[in-house]
C-alpha atoms as a PDB file:
ATOM      1  CA  UNK A   1      -9.559   5.661 -16.417  1.00  0.00           C
ATOM      2  CA  UNK A   2     -12.263   3.167 -16.649  1.00  0.00           C
ATOM      3  CA  UNK A   3     -15.890   3.865 -15.428  1.00  0.00           C
ATOM      4  CA  UNK A   4     -17.173   1.763 -12.722  1.00  0.00           C
ATOM      5  CA  UNK A   5     -19.569   0.073 -15.119  1.00  0.00           C
ATOM      6  CA  UNK A   6     -16.445  -1.255 -16.968  1.00  0.00           C
ATOM      7  CA  UNK A   7     -14.556  -2.254 -13.830  1.00  0.00           C
ATOM      8  CA  UNK A   8     -14.169  -5.877 -12.587  1.00  0.00           C
ATOM      9  CA  UNK A   9     -11.509  -6.904 -10.020  1.00  0.00           C
ATOM     10  CA  UNK A  10     -10.561  -9.954 -12.114  1.00  0.00           C
ATOM     11  CA  UNK A  11     -11.565 -11.518 -15.319  1.00  0.00           C
ATOM     12  CA  UNK A  12     -13.728 -13.919 -13.380  1.00  0.00           C
ATOM     13  CA  UNK A  13     -15.943 -11.245 -11.843  1.00  0.00           C
ATOM     14  CA  UNK A  14     -18.812  -9.287 -13.076  1.00  0.00           C
ATOM     15  CA  UNK A  15     -18.257  -5.736 -14.386  1.00  0.00           C
ATOM     16  CA  UNK A  16     -19.934  -2.881 -12.507  1.00  0.00           C
ATOM     17  CA  UNK A  17     -21.314  -5.164  -9.736  1.00  0.00           C
ATOM     18  CA  UNK A  18     -23.187  -3.108  -7.105  1.00  0.00           C
ATOM     19  CA  UNK A  19     -22.943   0.716  -6.781  1.00  0.00           C
ATOM     20  CA  UNK A  20     -25.876   1.306  -9.092  1.00  0.00           C
ATOM     21  CA  UNK A  21     -25.710   5.060  -8.489  1.00  0.00           C
ATOM     22  CA  UNK A  22     -22.109   5.237  -9.388  1.00  0.00           C
ATOM     23  CA  UNK A  23     -21.845   3.325 -12.711  1.00  0.00           C
ATOM     24  CA  UNK A  24     -20.487   6.457 -14.562  1.00  0.00           C
ATOM     25  CA  UNK A  25     -17.828   7.319 -11.883  1.00  0.00           C
ATOM     26  CA  UNK A  26     -14.064   6.605 -12.724  1.00  0.00           C
ATOM     27  CA  UNK A  27     -12.093   3.970 -10.904  1.00  0.00           C
ATOM     28  CA  UNK A  28      -8.827   5.104  -9.878  1.00  0.00           C
ATOM     29  CA  UNK A  29      -6.216   2.528 -10.945  1.00  0.00           C
ATOM     30  CA  UNK A  30      -4.848   2.108  -7.208  1.00  0.00           C
ATOM     31  CA  UNK A  31      -6.377  -0.874  -5.259  1.00  0.00           C
ATOM     32  CA  UNK A  32      -5.792  -2.356  -1.964  1.00  0.00           C
ATOM     33  CA  UNK A  33      -6.624  -5.790  -0.814  1.00  0.00           C
ATOM     34  CA  UNK A  34      -5.811  -8.339   1.973  1.00  0.00           C
ATOM     35  CA  UNK A  35      -2.677  -9.458   0.060  1.00  0.00           C
ATOM     36  CA  UNK A  36      -1.309  -6.038  -0.990  1.00  0.00           C
ATOM     37  CA  UNK A  37       2.277  -5.442  -0.452  1.00  0.00           C
ATOM     38  CA  UNK A  38       3.619  -2.158   1.246  1.00  0.00           C
ATOM     39  CA  UNK A  39       4.011  -0.399  -2.113  1.00  0.00           C
ATOM     40  CA  UNK A  40       0.321  -1.003  -3.080  1.00  0.00           C
ATOM     41  CA  UNK A  41      -0.822   0.020   0.457  1.00  0.00           C
ATOM     42  CA  UNK A  42       1.269   3.017   0.476  1.00  0.00           C
ATOM     43  CA  UNK A  43       0.157   4.270  -2.904  1.00  0.00           C
ATOM     44  CA  UNK A  44      -3.464   3.797  -1.920  1.00  0.00           C
ATOM     45  CA  UNK A  45      -3.330   5.787   1.218  1.00  0.00           C
ATOM     46  CA  UNK A  46      -1.501   8.526  -0.460  1.00  0.00           C
ATOM     47  CA  UNK A  47      -3.973   8.542  -3.370  1.00  0.00           C
ATOM     48  CA  UNK A  48      -6.675   8.772  -0.833  1.00  0.00           C
ATOM     49  CA  UNK A  49      -4.916  11.728   1.018  1.00  0.00           C
ATOM     50  CA  UNK A  50      -4.269  13.511  -2.300  1.00  0.00           C
ATOM     51  CA  UNK A  51      -7.962  13.171  -3.275  1.00  0.00           C
ATOM     52  CA  UNK A  52      -9.105  14.496   0.122  1.00  0.00           C
ATOM     53  CA  UNK A  53      -6.868  17.361  -0.360  1.00  0.00           C
ATOM     54  CA  UNK A  54      -8.715  18.562  -3.505  1.00  0.00           C
ATOM     55  CA  UNK A  55     -12.268  17.306  -2.277  1.00  0.00           C
ATOM     56  CA  UNK A  56     -12.318  17.923   1.416  1.00  0.00           C
ATOM     57  CA  UNK A  57     -15.978  17.347   1.739  1.00  0.00           C
ATOM     58  CA  UNK A  58     -15.778  13.868  -0.014  1.00  0.00           C
ATOM     59  CA  UNK A  59     -18.631  14.614  -2.557  1.00  0.00           C
ATOM     60  CA  UNK A  60     -16.452  13.807  -5.674  1.00  0.00           C
ATOM     61  CA  UNK A  61     -14.557  10.812  -4.458  1.00  0.00           C
ATOM     62  CA  UNK A  62     -15.363   7.639  -2.543  1.00  0.00           C
ATOM     63  CA  UNK A  63     -13.600   4.694  -1.082  1.00  0.00           C
ATOM     64  CA  UNK A  64     -15.451   1.243  -1.494  1.00  0.00           C
ATOM     65  CA  UNK A  65     -14.783  -1.969   0.082  1.00  0.00           C
ATOM     66  CA  UNK A  66     -16.027  -5.276  -1.286  1.00  0.00           C
ATOM     67  CA  UNK A  67     -15.769  -8.954  -0.103  1.00  0.00           C
ATOM     68  CA  UNK A  68     -14.004 -11.098  -2.717  1.00  0.00           C
ATOM     69  CA  UNK A  69     -13.800 -14.820  -3.290  1.00  0.00           C
ATOM     70  CA  UNK A  70     -10.090 -14.890  -4.131  1.00  0.00           C
ATOM     71  CA  UNK A  71      -8.398 -12.427  -1.845  1.00  0.00           C
ATOM     72  CA  UNK A  72     -11.079 -11.965   1.005  1.00  0.00           C
ATOM     73  CA  UNK A  73     -11.701  -8.333   0.252  1.00  0.00           C
ATOM     74  CA  UNK A  74     -10.511  -5.338  -1.839  1.00  0.00           C
ATOM     75  CA  UNK A  75     -10.917  -1.502  -1.774  1.00  0.00           C
ATOM     76  CA  UNK A  76     -11.194   0.929  -4.757  1.00  0.00           C
ATOM     77  CA  UNK A  77     -11.434   4.811  -4.996  1.00  0.00           C
ATOM     78  CA  UNK A  78     -13.859   6.238  -7.340  1.00  0.00           C
ATOM     79  CA  UNK A  79     -14.218   9.701  -8.604  1.00  0.00           C
ATOM     80  CA  UNK A  80     -16.935  11.984 -10.165  1.00  0.00           C
ATOM     81  CA  UNK A  81     -16.259  12.613 -13.759  1.00  0.00           C
ATOM     82  CA  UNK A  82     -15.247  16.129 -14.642  1.00  0.00           C
ATOM     83  CA  UNK A  83     -14.332  17.011 -10.890  1.00  0.00           C
ATOM     84  CA  UNK A  84     -11.110  18.311  -9.382  1.00  0.00           C
ATOM     85  CA  UNK A  85     -10.881  14.678  -7.762  1.00  0.00           C
ATOM     86  CA  UNK A  86     -10.926  13.189 -11.256  1.00  0.00           C
ATOM     87  CA  UNK A  87      -8.121  15.516 -12.634  1.00  0.00           C
ATOM     88  CA  UNK A  88      -6.050  14.679  -9.550  1.00  0.00           C
ATOM     89  CA  UNK A  89      -6.712  11.011  -9.999  1.00  0.00           C
ATOM     90  CA  UNK A  90      -5.703  11.205 -13.647  1.00  0.00           C
ATOM     91  CA  UNK A  91      -2.404  13.127 -12.607  1.00  0.00           C
ATOM     92  CA  UNK A  92      -1.789  10.229 -10.025  1.00  0.00           C
ATOM     93  CA  UNK A  93      -2.100   7.544 -12.641  1.00  0.00           C
ATOM     94  CA  UNK A  94       0.305   9.429 -14.940  1.00  0.00           C
ATOM     95  CA  UNK A  95       2.886   9.653 -12.014  1.00  0.00           C
ATOM     96  CA  UNK A  96       2.629   6.100 -11.373  1.00  0.00           C
ATOM     97  CA  UNK A  97       3.158   5.193 -15.112  1.00  0.00           C
ATOM     98  CA  UNK A  98       6.434   6.933 -14.784  1.00  0.00           C
ATOM     99  CA  UNK A  99       7.538   5.923 -11.329  1.00  0.00           C
ATOM    100  CA  UNK A 100       5.762   3.337  -9.135  1.00  0.00           C
ATOM    101  CA  UNK A 101       6.148   5.103  -5.819  1.00  0.00           C
ATOM    102  CA  UNK A 102       3.873   8.069  -5.111  1.00  0.00           C
ATOM    103  CA  UNK A 103       5.423   9.047  -1.874  1.00  0.00           C
ATOM    104  CA  UNK A 104       8.941   7.841  -1.122  1.00  0.00           C
ATOM    105  CA  UNK A 105       8.598   8.912   2.588  1.00  0.00           C
ATOM    106  CA  UNK A 106       5.350   7.286   3.223  1.00  0.00           C
ATOM    107  CA  UNK A 107       6.526   4.016   1.407  1.00  0.00           C
ATOM    108  CA  UNK A 108       9.830   3.964   3.431  1.00  0.00           C
ATOM    109  CA  UNK A 109       7.960   4.627   6.553  1.00  0.00           C
ATOM    110  CA  UNK A 110       5.336   1.865   6.076  1.00  0.00           C
ATOM    111  CA  UNK A 111       8.163  -0.693   4.911  1.00  0.00           C
ATOM    112  CA  UNK A 112      10.247   0.243   8.159  1.00  0.00           C
ATOM    113  CA  UNK A 113       7.130  -0.274  10.441  1.00  0.00           C
ATOM    114  CA  UNK A 114       6.374  -3.501   8.840  1.00  0.00           C
ATOM    115  CA  UNK A 115       9.935  -4.861   8.980  1.00  0.00           C
ATOM    116  CA  UNK A 116       9.985  -3.919  12.690  1.00  0.00           C
ATOM    117  CA  UNK A 117       6.838  -5.977  13.357  1.00  0.00           C
ATOM    118  CA  UNK A 118       7.922  -8.947  11.167  1.00  0.00           C
ATOM    119  CA  UNK A 119      11.399  -8.903  12.978  1.00  0.00           C
ATOM    120  CA  UNK A 120       9.723  -8.717  16.409  1.00  0.00           C
ATOM    121  CA  UNK A 121       6.997 -11.204  16.050  1.00  0.00           C
ATOM    122  CA  UNK A 122       8.130 -13.651  13.299  1.00  0.00           C
ATOM    123  CA  UNK A 123      11.677 -14.266  14.327  1.00  0.00           C
ATOM    124  CA  UNK A 124      13.109 -15.969  17.488  1.00  0.00           C
ATOM    125  CA  UNK A 125      16.426 -14.674  19.012  1.00  0.00           C
ATOM    126  CA  UNK A 126      18.324 -17.551  17.242  1.00  0.00           C
ATOM    127  CA  UNK A 127      16.684 -16.833  13.963  1.00  0.00           C
ATOM    128  CA  UNK A 128      17.563 -13.217  14.206  1.00  0.00           C
ATOM    129  CA  UNK A 129      21.236 -14.021  14.960  1.00  0.00           C
ATOM    130  CA  UNK A 130      21.194 -16.256  11.814  1.00  0.00           C
ATOM    131  CA  UNK A 131      19.660 -13.635   9.755  1.00  0.00           C
ATOM    132  CA  UNK A 132      22.240 -11.058  10.936  1.00  0.00           C
ATOM    133  CA  UNK A 133      25.154 -13.447  10.119  1.00  0.00           C
ATOM    134  CA  UNK A 134      23.645 -14.413   6.619  1.00  0.00           C
ATOM    135  CA  UNK A 135      23.144 -10.506   5.722  1.00  0.00           C
ATOM    136  CA  UNK A 136      25.946  -8.975   7.555  1.00  0.00           C
ATOM    137  CA  UNK A 137      26.465  -6.319   5.080  1.00  0.00           C
ATOM    138  CA  UNK A 138      22.951  -4.866   5.804  1.00  0.00           C
ATOM    139  CA  UNK A 139      23.736  -4.205   9.475  1.00  0.00           C
ATOM    140  CA  UNK A 140      25.979  -1.631  11.030  1.00  0.00           C
ATOM    141  CA  UNK A 141      25.718  -1.461  14.912  1.00  0.00           C
ATOM    142  CA  UNK A 142      27.023   1.519  16.867  1.00  0.00           C
ATOM    143  CA  UNK A 143      27.744  -0.656  20.112  1.00  0.00           C
ATOM    144  CA  UNK A 144      27.300  -4.071  21.472  1.00  0.00           C
ATOM    145  CA  UNK A 145      24.101  -3.053  23.306  1.00  0.00           C
ATOM    146  CA  UNK A 146      22.703  -1.755  19.866  1.00  0.00           C
ATOM    147  CA  UNK A 147      23.426  -5.137  18.470  1.00  0.00           C
ATOM    148  CA  UNK A 148      21.754  -6.979  21.452  1.00  0.00           C
ATOM    149  CA  UNK A 149      18.689  -4.733  21.210  1.00  0.00           C
ATOM    150  CA  UNK A 150      18.332  -5.705  17.617  1.00  0.00           C
ATOM    151  CA  UNK A 151      18.895  -9.407  18.303  1.00  0.00           C
ATOM    152  CA  UNK A 152      16.260  -9.193  21.012  1.00  0.00           C
ATOM    153  CA  UNK A 153      13.749  -7.819  18.509  1.00  0.00           C
ATOM    154  CA  UNK A 154      13.429  -4.384  19.714  1.00  0.00           C
ATOM    155  CA  UNK A 155      13.938  -3.020  16.253  1.00  0.00           C
ATOM    156  CA  UNK A 156      15.167  -4.041  12.790  1.00  0.00           C
ATOM    157  CA  UNK A 157      18.477  -2.380  11.774  1.00  0.00           C
ATOM    158  CA  UNK A 158      18.740  -3.923   8.366  1.00  0.00           C
ATOM    159  CA  UNK A 159      17.258  -3.332   4.787  1.00  0.00           C
ATOM    160  CA  UNK A 160      13.376  -3.381   5.345  1.00  0.00           C
ATOM    161  CA  UNK A 161      12.675  -4.347   1.744  1.00  0.00           C
ATOM    162  CA  UNK A 162      15.068  -7.408   2.005  1.00  0.00           C
ATOM    163  CA  UNK A 163      13.426  -8.741   5.079  1.00  0.00           C
ATOM    164  CA  UNK A 164      10.013  -8.242   3.666  1.00  0.00           C
ATOM    165  CA  UNK A 165      10.633  -9.854   0.361  1.00  0.00           C
END
């Protein structure tokens, strides 16, 4: 893990900007910004939860949010070197190296929630019908009223990852 002093959100940014009292703290390699996808948001919130489990008082880990010229804002998690939170953060990074999803259930729930919102707010009834026709293999309706409810935007019954991609 990098120290905050070595961290910059992009190659165009200064390293270690701000947080003068935390330059030696370690930056967890899980970020979140305005443009983050469901996987990045899920991993961030799972990491926050895991760090809180080992550091309930929040003295060895912190979340910091910054404005940014490219993506509006970003958030990072930092941990005190040598703490249980730092050990947990290191473990989290190794887990992500081996498999990109920290918590399948959290990721699936987030993706499902977002798919329902997109389906309801971004598609008209006629667009939903067209989507269902074009992606028929994704849908398995139990009844005609089940299909109507989906078409009306009450819920999305297809593959969330396909709709969101």
